[in-house]
Amino acid sequence: QRGDADFFFITGADALEQILTWKDADE
């Protein structure tokens, strides 16, 4: 939708600690 935007993804610290287990985390 917004191809020219630089994205920052805001999330809770508890979720961020689990990010490497998220779907397609490498991307």
PDB file of all heavy atoms in Angstrom:
ATOM      1  N   GLN A   1       0.817  -1.216   0.000  1.00  0.00           N
ATOM      2  CA  GLN A   1       0.000   0.000   0.000  1.00  0.00           C
ATOM      3  C   GLN A   1       0.850   1.265   0.000  1.00  0.00           C
ATOM      4  O   GLN A   1       0.450   2.273  -0.563  1.00  0.00           O
ATOM      5  CB  GLN A   1      -0.892   0.043   1.247  1.00  0.00           C
ATOM      6  CG  GLN A   1      -1.966  -0.994   1.279  1.00  0.00           C
ATOM      7  CD  GLN A   1      -2.735  -0.985   2.603  1.00  0.00           C
ATOM      8  OE1 GLN A   1      -2.472  -0.178   3.493  1.00  0.00           O
ATOM      9  NE2 GLN A   1      -3.688  -1.875   2.723  1.00  0.00           N
ATOM     10  N   ARG A   2       1.991   1.224   0.655  1.00  0.00           N
ATOM     11  CA  ARG A   2       2.827   2.413   0.860  1.00  0.00           C
ATOM     12  C   ARG A   2       4.279   2.064   0.577  1.00  0.00           C
ATOM     13  O   ARG A   2       5.134   2.172   1.462  1.00  0.00           O
ATOM     14  CB  ARG A   2       2.692   2.908   2.297  1.00  0.00           C
ATOM     15  CG  ARG A   2       1.270   3.237   2.684  1.00  0.00           C
ATOM     16  CD  ARG A   2       1.166   3.354   4.187  1.00  0.00           C
ATOM     17  NE  ARG A   2      -0.192   3.587   4.607  1.00  0.00           N
ATOM     18  CZ  ARG A   2      -0.590   4.654   5.281  1.00  0.00           C
ATOM     19  NH1 ARG A   2       0.273   5.582   5.601  1.00  0.00           N
ATOM     20  NH2 ARG A   2      -1.838   4.782   5.634  1.00  0.00           N
ATOM     21  N   GLY A   3       4.534   1.661  -0.626  1.00  0.00           N
ATOM     22  CA  GLY A   3       5.843   1.161  -1.018  1.00  0.00           C
ATOM     23  C   GLY A   3       7.019   2.073  -0.757  1.00  0.00           C
ATOM     24  O   GLY A   3       8.143   1.608  -0.603  1.00  0.00           O
ATOM     25  N   ASP A   4       6.794   3.367  -0.691  1.00  0.00           N
ATOM     26  CA  ASP A   4       7.909   4.293  -0.513  1.00  0.00           C
ATOM     27  C   ASP A   4       8.211   4.592   0.953  1.00  0.00           C
ATOM     28  O   ASP A   4       9.131   5.331   1.265  1.00  0.00           O
ATOM     29  CB  ASP A   4       7.615   5.606  -1.248  1.00  0.00           C
ATOM     30  CG  ASP A   4       6.346   6.284  -0.750  1.00  0.00           C
ATOM     31  OD1 ASP A   4       5.485   5.604  -0.165  1.00  0.00           O
ATOM     32  OD2 ASP A   4       6.224   7.503  -0.968  1.00  0.00           O
ATOM     33  N   ALA A   5       7.479   4.001   1.866  1.00  0.00           N
ATOM     34  CA  ALA A   5       7.636   4.298   3.294  1.00  0.00           C
ATOM     35  C   ALA A   5       8.757   3.479   3.920  1.00  0.00           C
ATOM     36  O   ALA A   5       9.021   2.345   3.523  1.00  0.00           O
ATOM     37  CB  ALA A   5       6.329   4.025   4.031  1.00  0.00           C
ATOM     38  N   ASP A   6       9.413   4.079   4.908  1.00  0.00           N
ATOM     39  CA  ASP A   6      10.342   3.357   5.774  1.00  0.00           C
ATOM     40  C   ASP A   6       9.530   2.952   6.994  1.00  0.00           C
ATOM     41  O   ASP A   6       8.967   3.803   7.680  1.00  0.00           O
ATOM     42  CB  ASP A   6      11.506   4.255   6.205  1.00  0.00           C
ATOM     43  CG  ASP A   6      12.440   4.581   5.055  1.00  0.00           C
ATOM     44  OD1 ASP A   6      12.628   3.726   4.171  1.00  0.00           O
ATOM     45  OD2 ASP A   6      12.990   5.694   5.059  1.00  0.00           O
ATOM     46  N   PHE A   7       9.457   1.655   7.268  1.00  0.00           N
ATOM     47  CA  PHE A   7       8.601   1.173   8.346  1.00  0.00           C
ATOM     48  C   PHE A   7       9.363   0.949   9.644  1.00  0.00           C
ATOM     49  O   PHE A   7      10.476   0.435   9.642  1.00  0.00           O
ATOM     50  CB  PHE A   7       7.905  -0.128   7.937  1.00  0.00           C
ATOM     51  CG  PHE A   7       6.843   0.071   6.903  1.00  0.00           C
ATOM     52  CD1 PHE A   7       7.082  -0.221   5.578  1.00  0.00           C
ATOM     53  CD2 PHE A   7       5.604   0.571   7.261  1.00  0.00           C
ATOM     54  CE1 PHE A   7       6.106  -0.019   4.614  1.00  0.00           C
ATOM     55  CE2 PHE A   7       4.611   0.782   6.314  1.00  0.00           C
ATOM     56  CZ  PHE A   7       4.872   0.485   4.992  1.00  0.00           C
ATOM     57  N   PHE A   8       8.720   1.348  10.715  1.00  0.00           N
ATOM     58  CA  PHE A   8       9.127   1.036  12.072  1.00  0.00           C
ATOM     59  C   PHE A   8       7.971   0.227  12.630  1.00  0.00           C
ATOM     60  O   PHE A   8       6.821   0.628  12.495  1.00  0.00           O
ATOM     61  CB  PHE A   8       9.310   2.316  12.898  1.00  0.00           C
ATOM     62  CG  PHE A   8      10.545   3.091  12.552  1.00  0.00           C
ATOM     63  CD1 PHE A   8      10.659   3.747  11.340  1.00  0.00           C
ATOM     64  CD2 PHE A   8      11.592   3.160  13.461  1.00  0.00           C
ATOM     65  CE1 PHE A   8      11.789   4.463  11.019  1.00  0.00           C
ATOM     66  CE2 PHE A   8      12.728   3.881  13.152  1.00  0.00           C
ATOM     67  CZ  PHE A   8      12.833   4.540  11.926  1.00  0.00           C
ATOM     68  N   PHE A   9       8.259  -0.903  13.245  1.00  0.00           N
ATOM     69  CA  PHE A   9       7.196  -1.729  13.803  1.00  0.00           C
ATOM     70  C   PHE A   9       7.280  -1.647  15.315  1.00  0.00           C
ATOM     71  O   PHE A   9       8.258  -2.088  15.917  1.00  0.00           O
ATOM     72  CB  PHE A   9       7.312  -3.180  13.334  1.00  0.00           C
ATOM     73  CG  PHE A   9       6.098  -4.003  13.650  1.00  0.00           C
ATOM     74  CD1 PHE A   9       5.042  -4.071  12.757  1.00  0.00           C
ATOM     75  CD2 PHE A   9       5.999  -4.689  14.851  1.00  0.00           C
ATOM     76  CE1 PHE A   9       3.905  -4.815  13.045  1.00  0.00           C
ATOM     77  CE2 PHE A   9       4.873  -5.437  15.149  1.00  0.00           C
ATOM     78  CZ  PHE A   9       3.819  -5.497  14.246  1.00  0.00           C
ATOM     79  N   ILE A  10       6.259  -1.080  15.928  1.00  0.00           N
ATOM     80  CA  ILE A  10       6.219  -0.893  17.372  1.00  0.00           C
ATOM     81  C   ILE A  10       5.488  -2.081  17.990  1.00  0.00           C
ATOM     82  O   ILE A  10       4.374  -2.407  17.588  1.00  0.00           O
ATOM     83  CB  ILE A  10       5.484   0.416  17.740  1.00  0.00           C
ATOM     84  CG1 ILE A  10       6.090   1.605  16.999  1.00  0.00           C
ATOM     85  CG2 ILE A  10       5.497   0.633  19.249  1.00  0.00           C
ATOM     86  CD1 ILE A  10       5.229   2.873  17.037  1.00  0.00           C
ATOM     87  N   THR A  11       6.121  -2.692  18.965  1.00  0.00           N
ATOM     88  CA  THR A  11       5.520  -3.840  19.633  1.00  0.00           C
ATOM     89  C   THR A  11       5.976  -3.874  21.077  1.00  0.00           C
ATOM     90  O   THR A  11       6.920  -3.184  21.458  1.00  0.00           O
ATOM     91  CB  THR A  11       5.888  -5.160  18.905  1.00  0.00           C
ATOM     92  OG1 THR A  11       5.129  -6.228  19.454  1.00  0.00           O
ATOM     93  CG2 THR A  11       7.367  -5.465  18.997  1.00  0.00           C
ATOM     94  N   GLY A  12       5.321  -4.671  21.873  1.00  0.00           N
ATOM     95  CA  GLY A  12       5.717  -4.820  23.261  1.00  0.00           C
ATOM     96  C   GLY A  12       7.050  -5.535  23.375  1.00  0.00           C
ATOM     97  O   GLY A  12       7.400  -6.375  22.541  1.00  0.00           O
ATOM     98  N   ALA A  13       7.786  -5.194  24.429  1.00  0.00           N
ATOM     99  CA  ALA A  13       9.088  -5.807  24.646  1.00  0.00           C
ATOM    100  C   ALA A  13       8.979  -7.318  24.780  1.00  0.00           C
ATOM    101  O   ALA A  13       9.834  -8.055  24.288  1.00  0.00           O
ATOM    102  CB  ALA A  13       9.737  -5.204  25.887  1.00  0.00           C
ATOM    103  N   ASP A  14       7.911  -7.791  25.423  1.00  0.00           N
ATOM    104  CA  ASP A  14       7.735  -9.231  25.590  1.00  0.00           C
ATOM    105  C   ASP A  14       7.609  -9.922  24.232  1.00  0.00           C
ATOM    106  O   ASP A  14       8.154 -11.002  24.020  1.00  0.00           O
ATOM    107  CB  ASP A  14       6.540  -9.536  26.477  1.00  0.00           C
ATOM    108  CG  ASP A  14       5.255  -8.859  26.016  1.00  0.00           C
ATOM    109  OD1 ASP A  14       5.325  -7.888  25.246  1.00  0.00           O
ATOM    110  OD2 ASP A  14       4.172  -9.307  26.440  1.00  0.00           O
ATOM    111  N   ALA A  15       6.916  -9.291  23.308  1.00  0.00           N
ATOM    112  CA  ALA A  15       6.786  -9.857  21.961  1.00  0.00           C
ATOM    113  C   ALA A  15       8.126  -9.808  21.229  1.00  0.00           C
ATOM    114  O   ALA A  15       8.506 -10.764  20.543  1.00  0.00           O
ATOM    115  CB  ALA A  15       5.724  -9.111  21.170  1.00  0.00           C
ATOM    116  N   LEU A  16       8.838  -8.705  21.379  1.00  0.00           N
ATOM    117  CA  LEU A  16      10.119  -8.548  20.686  1.00  0.00           C
ATOM    118  C   LEU A  16      11.116  -9.619  21.126  1.00  0.00           C
ATOM    119  O   LEU A  16      11.906 -10.106  20.319  1.00  0.00           O
ATOM    120  CB  LEU A  16      10.689  -7.150  20.935  1.00  0.00           C
ATOM    121  CG  LEU A  16      11.912  -6.771  20.109  1.00  0.00           C
ATOM    122  CD1 LEU A  16      11.593  -6.807  18.619  1.00  0.00           C
ATOM    123  CD2 LEU A  16      12.402  -5.391  20.501  1.00  0.00           C
ATOM    124  N   GLU A  17      11.047 -10.014  22.382  1.00  0.00           N
ATOM    125  CA  GLU A  17      11.954 -11.059  22.868  1.00  0.00           C
ATOM    126  C   GLU A  17      11.725 -12.387  22.151  1.00  0.00           C
ATOM    127  O   GLU A  17      12.605 -13.229  22.116  1.00  0.00           O
ATOM    128  CB  GLU A  17      11.788 -11.250  24.382  1.00  0.00           C
ATOM    129  CG  GLU A  17      12.373 -10.100  25.176  1.00  0.00           C
ATOM    130  CD  GLU A  17      12.181 -10.248  26.667  1.00  0.00           C
ATOM    131  OE1 GLU A  17      11.088 -10.682  27.099  1.00  0.00           O
ATOM    132  OE2 GLU A  17      13.121  -9.914  27.399  1.00  0.00           O
ATOM    133  N   GLN A  18      10.536 -12.556  21.553  1.00  0.00           N
ATOM    134  CA  GLN A  18      10.193 -13.802  20.867  1.00  0.00           C
ATOM    135  C   GLN A  18      10.326 -13.709  19.352  1.00  0.00           C
ATOM    136  O   GLN A  18       9.990 -14.654  18.638  1.00  0.00           O
ATOM    137  CB  GLN A  18       8.742 -14.192  21.214  1.00  0.00           C
ATOM    138  CG  GLN A  18       8.466 -14.331  22.697  1.00  0.00           C
ATOM    139  CD  GLN A  18       9.307 -15.415  23.325  1.00  0.00           C
ATOM    140  OE1 GLN A  18       9.482 -16.484  22.763  1.00  0.00           O
ATOM    141  NE2 GLN A  18       9.856 -15.128  24.503  1.00  0.00           N
ATOM    142  N   ILE A  19      10.821 -12.592  18.840  1.00  0.00           N
ATOM    143  CA  ILE A  19      10.759 -12.315  17.395  1.00  0.00           C
ATOM    144  C   ILE A  19      11.437 -13.384  16.537  1.00  0.00           C
ATOM    145  O   ILE A  19      10.985 -13.663  15.425  1.00  0.00           O
ATOM    146  CB  ILE A  19      11.294 -10.905  17.067  1.00  0.00           C
ATOM    147  CG1 ILE A  19      10.877 -10.493  15.656  1.00  0.00           C
ATOM    148  CG2 ILE A  19      12.795 -10.833  17.273  1.00  0.00           C
ATOM    149  CD1 ILE A  19      11.132  -9.030  15.335  1.00  0.00           C
ATOM    150  N   LEU A  20      12.479 -13.994  17.040  1.00  0.00           N
ATOM    151  CA  LEU A  20      13.173 -14.991  16.228  1.00  0.00           C
ATOM    152  C   LEU A  20      12.337 -16.258  16.023  1.00  0.00           C
ATOM    153  O   LEU A  20      12.655 -17.078  15.158  1.00  0.00           O
ATOM    154  CB  LEU A  20      14.532 -15.336  16.834  1.00  0.00           C
ATOM    155  CG  LEU A  20      15.532 -14.173  16.830  1.00  0.00           C
ATOM    156  CD1 LEU A  20      16.834 -14.581  17.505  1.00  0.00           C
ATOM    157  CD2 LEU A  20      15.791 -13.659  15.414  1.00  0.00           C
ATOM    158  N   THR A  21      11.240 -16.393  16.774  1.00  0.00           N
ATOM    159  CA  THR A  21      10.344 -17.544  16.595  1.00  0.00           C
ATOM    160  C   THR A  21       9.161 -17.208  15.684  1.00  0.00           C
ATOM    161  O   THR A  21       8.346 -18.080  15.400  1.00  0.00           O
ATOM    162  CB  THR A  21       9.795 -18.032  17.957  1.00  0.00           C
ATOM    163  OG1 THR A  21       8.946 -17.023  18.514  1.00  0.00           O
ATOM    164  CG2 THR A  21      10.919 -18.366  18.925  1.00  0.00           C
ATOM    165  N   TRP A  22       9.056 -15.957  15.240  1.00  0.00           N
ATOM    166  CA  TRP A  22       7.935 -15.539  14.417  1.00  0.00           C
ATOM    167  C   TRP A  22       8.054 -16.106  13.009  1.00  0.00           C
ATOM    168  O   TRP A  22       9.158 -16.397  12.530  1.00  0.00           O
ATOM    169  CB  TRP A  22       7.857 -14.016  14.325  1.00  0.00           C
ATOM    170  CG  TRP A  22       7.536 -13.319  15.616  1.00  0.00           C
ATOM    171  CD1 TRP A  22       7.373 -13.873  16.850  1.00  0.00           C
ATOM    172  CD2 TRP A  22       7.369 -11.919  15.799  1.00  0.00           C
ATOM    173  NE1 TRP A  22       7.108 -12.907  17.777  1.00  0.00           N
ATOM    174  CE2 TRP A  22       7.098 -11.692  17.159  1.00  0.00           C
ATOM    175  CE3 TRP A  22       7.417 -10.828  14.938  1.00  0.00           C
ATOM    176  CZ2 TRP A  22       6.876 -10.428  17.684  1.00  0.00           C
ATOM    177  CZ3 TRP A  22       7.201  -9.567  15.455  1.00  0.00           C
ATOM    178  CH2 TRP A  22       6.922  -9.369  16.813  1.00  0.00           C
ATOM    179  N   LYS A  23       6.928 -16.216  12.332  1.00  0.00           N
ATOM    180  CA  LYS A  23       6.889 -16.700  10.953  1.00  0.00           C
ATOM    181  C   LYS A  23       7.805 -15.843  10.075  1.00  0.00           C
ATOM    182  O   LYS A  23       7.744 -14.606  10.110  1.00  0.00           O
ATOM    183  CB  LYS A  23       5.454 -16.643  10.414  1.00  0.00           C
ATOM    184  CG  LYS A  23       5.335 -17.117   8.978  1.00  0.00           C
ATOM    185  CD  LYS A  23       3.920 -16.985   8.454  1.00  0.00           C
ATOM    186  CE  LYS A  23       3.858 -17.364   6.993  1.00  0.00           C
ATOM    187  NZ  LYS A  23       2.598 -16.971   6.391  1.00  0.00           N
ATOM    188  N   ASP A  24       8.652 -16.486   9.280  1.00  0.00           N
ATOM    189  CA  ASP A  24       9.572 -15.834   8.343  1.00  0.00           C
ATOM    190  C   ASP A  24      10.408 -14.748   9.035  1.00  0.00           C
ATOM    191  O   ASP A  24      10.635 -13.668   8.485  1.00  0.00           O
ATOM    192  CB  ASP A  24       8.814 -15.243   7.152  1.00  0.00           C
ATOM    193  CG  ASP A  24       8.104 -16.309   6.335  1.00  0.00           C
ATOM    194  OD1 ASP A  24       8.548 -17.489   6.342  1.00  0.00           O
ATOM    195  OD2 ASP A  24       7.092 -15.986   5.690  1.00  0.00           O
ATOM    196  N   ALA A  25      10.872 -15.050  10.244  1.00  0.00           N
ATOM    197  CA  ALA A  25      11.629 -14.084  11.044  1.00  0.00           C
ATOM    198  C   ALA A  25      12.844 -13.542  10.298  1.00  0.00           C
ATOM    199  O   ALA A  25      13.200 -12.368  10.462  1.00  0.00           O
ATOM    200  CB  ALA A  25      12.067 -14.723  12.359  1.00  0.00           C
ATOM    201  N   ASP A  26      13.446 -14.370   9.458  1.00  0.00           N
ATOM    202  CA  ASP A  26      14.635 -13.930   8.725  1.00  0.00           C
ATOM    203  C   ASP A  26      14.347 -12.766   7.776  1.00  0.00           C
ATOM    204  O   ASP A  26      15.233 -11.997   7.436  1.00  0.00           O
ATOM    205  CB  ASP A  26      15.250 -15.097   7.953  1.00  0.00           C
ATOM    206  CG  ASP A  26      14.251 -15.816   7.055  1.00  0.00           C
ATOM    207  OD1 ASP A  26      13.066 -15.912   7.433  1.00  0.00           O
ATOM    208  OD2 ASP A  26      14.665 -16.274   5.972  1.00  0.00           O
ATOM    209  N   GLU A  27      13.099 -12.591   7.363  1.00  0.00           N
ATOM    210  CA  GLU A  27      12.726 -11.498   6.457  1.00  0.00           C
ATOM    211  C   GLU A  27      12.369 -10.206   7.185  1.00  0.00           C
ATOM    212  O   GLU A  27      12.412  -9.122   6.603  1.00  0.00           O
ATOM    213  CB  GLU A  27      11.515 -11.900   5.611  1.00  0.00           C
ATOM    214  CG  GLU A  27      11.751 -13.035   4.649  1.00  0.00           C
ATOM    215  CD  GLU A  27      10.481 -13.371   3.882  1.00  0.00           C
ATOM    216  OE1 GLU A  27       9.746 -12.434   3.492  1.00  0.00           O
ATOM    217  OE2 GLU A  27      10.219 -14.568   3.672  1.00  0.00           O
TER     218      GLU A  27
END
